[in-house]
Amino acid sequence: MSKKKKATGDTYLAVGIGIGLPLGAVLGLTLFDDLAIGAGIGLVFGITVGTAIDSNKA
């Protein structure tokens, strides 16, 4: 019986995108009065933070 290691490589990336996208959308509507600008900023922020956490965990 072989034990398979659970693949958690993209876990924090997904969490970063999932949190960054809605927060960016809210900030975009609040500051810029445009949903797309805020969502783009939140997406980039979420990818950056998620990738940074993933790289530190390895």
C-alpha atoms as a PDB file:
ATOM      1  CA  MET A   1       0.000   0.000   0.000  1.00  0.00           C
ATOM      2  CA  SER A   2       1.513   3.250  -1.078  1.00  0.00           C
ATOM      3  CA  LYS A   3       0.657   6.462   0.643  1.00  0.00           C
ATOM      4  CA  LYS A   4       0.015   9.349  -1.688  1.00  0.00           C
ATOM      5  CA  LYS A   5       1.066  12.799  -0.587  1.00  0.00           C
ATOM      6  CA  LYS A   6      -1.689  15.331  -0.995  1.00  0.00           C
ATOM      7  CA  ALA A   7      -0.784  17.947  -3.582  1.00  0.00           C
ATOM      8  CA  THR A   8      -1.199  21.376  -2.018  1.00  0.00           C
ATOM      9  CA  GLY A   9       0.938  23.373  -4.419  1.00  0.00           C
ATOM     10  CA  ASP A  10      -1.721  25.823  -5.556  1.00  0.00           C
ATOM     11  CA  THR A  11      -3.651  26.110  -2.306  1.00  0.00           C
ATOM     12  CA  TYR A  12      -2.445  29.535  -1.244  1.00  0.00           C
ATOM     13  CA  LEU A  13      -2.559  30.839  -4.813  1.00  0.00           C
ATOM     14  CA  ALA A  14      -6.243  29.939  -4.992  1.00  0.00           C
ATOM     15  CA  VAL A  15      -6.899  31.474  -1.581  1.00  0.00           C
ATOM     16  CA  GLY A  16      -5.072  34.654  -2.607  1.00  0.00           C
ATOM     17  CA  ILE A  17      -7.122  34.962  -5.784  1.00  0.00           C
ATOM     18  CA  GLY A  18     -10.340  34.148  -3.940  1.00  0.00           C
ATOM     19  CA  ILE A  19      -9.738  36.860  -1.365  1.00  0.00           C
ATOM     20  CA  GLY A  20      -8.035  39.440  -3.575  1.00  0.00           C
ATOM     21  CA  LEU A  21     -10.634  39.499  -6.340  1.00  0.00           C
ATOM     22  CA  PRO A  22     -13.675  40.477  -4.243  1.00  0.00           C
ATOM     23  CA  LEU A  23     -11.696  42.896  -2.062  1.00  0.00           C
ATOM     24  CA  GLY A  24     -10.259  44.526  -5.163  1.00  0.00           C
ATOM     25  CA  ALA A  25     -13.717  44.780  -6.689  1.00  0.00           C
ATOM     26  CA  VAL A  26     -15.063  46.535  -3.596  1.00  0.00           C
ATOM     27  CA  LEU A  27     -12.091  48.911  -3.471  1.00  0.00           C
ATOM     28  CA  GLY A  28     -12.433  49.545  -7.202  1.00  0.00           C
ATOM     29  CA  LEU A  29     -16.068  50.493  -6.824  1.00  0.00           C
ATOM     30  CA  THR A  30     -15.270  52.667  -3.829  1.00  0.00           C
ATOM     31  CA  LEU A  31     -12.159  54.471  -5.051  1.00  0.00           C
ATOM     32  CA  PHE A  32     -12.311  54.394  -8.856  1.00  0.00           C
ATOM     33  CA  ASP A  33     -16.052  53.901  -9.456  1.00  0.00           C
ATOM     34  CA  ASP A  34     -15.102  51.072 -11.805  1.00  0.00           C
ATOM     35  CA  LEU A  35     -15.415  47.380 -11.015  1.00  0.00           C
ATOM     36  CA  ALA A  36     -12.921  46.153 -13.617  1.00  0.00           C
ATOM     37  CA  ILE A  37     -10.012  48.287 -12.416  1.00  0.00           C
ATOM     38  CA  GLY A  38     -10.441  47.166  -8.821  1.00  0.00           C
ATOM     39  CA  ALA A  39     -10.905  43.522  -9.778  1.00  0.00           C
ATOM     40  CA  GLY A  40      -7.705  43.639 -11.834  1.00  0.00           C
ATOM     41  CA  ILE A  41      -5.754  45.180  -8.978  1.00  0.00           C
ATOM     42  CA  GLY A  42      -7.181  42.638  -6.526  1.00  0.00           C
ATOM     43  CA  LEU A  43      -6.346  39.762  -8.873  1.00  0.00           C
ATOM     44  CA  VAL A  44      -2.741  40.870  -9.221  1.00  0.00           C
ATOM     45  CA  PHE A  45      -2.447  41.365  -5.467  1.00  0.00           C
ATOM     46  CA  GLY A  46      -3.972  37.939  -4.778  1.00  0.00           C
ATOM     47  CA  ILE A  47      -1.641  36.180  -7.214  1.00  0.00           C
ATOM     48  CA  THR A  48       1.376  37.962  -5.757  1.00  0.00           C
ATOM     49  CA  VAL A  49       0.556  37.173  -2.137  1.00  0.00           C
ATOM     50  CA  GLY A  50      -0.498  33.584  -2.879  1.00  0.00           C
ATOM     51  CA  THR A  51       2.660  32.855  -4.846  1.00  0.00           C
ATOM     52  CA  ALA A  52       4.838  34.405  -2.153  1.00  0.00           C
ATOM     53  CA  ILE A  53       3.254  32.245   0.547  1.00  0.00           C
ATOM     54  CA  ASP A  54       3.548  29.131  -1.647  1.00  0.00           C
ATOM     55  CA  SER A  55       7.225  29.751  -2.275  1.00  0.00           C
ATOM     56  CA  ASN A  56       7.938  30.215   1.438  1.00  0.00           C
ATOM     57  CA  LYS A  57       6.202  26.948   2.366  1.00  0.00           C
ATOM     58  CA  ALA A  58       8.407  24.832   0.078  1.00  0.00           C
END
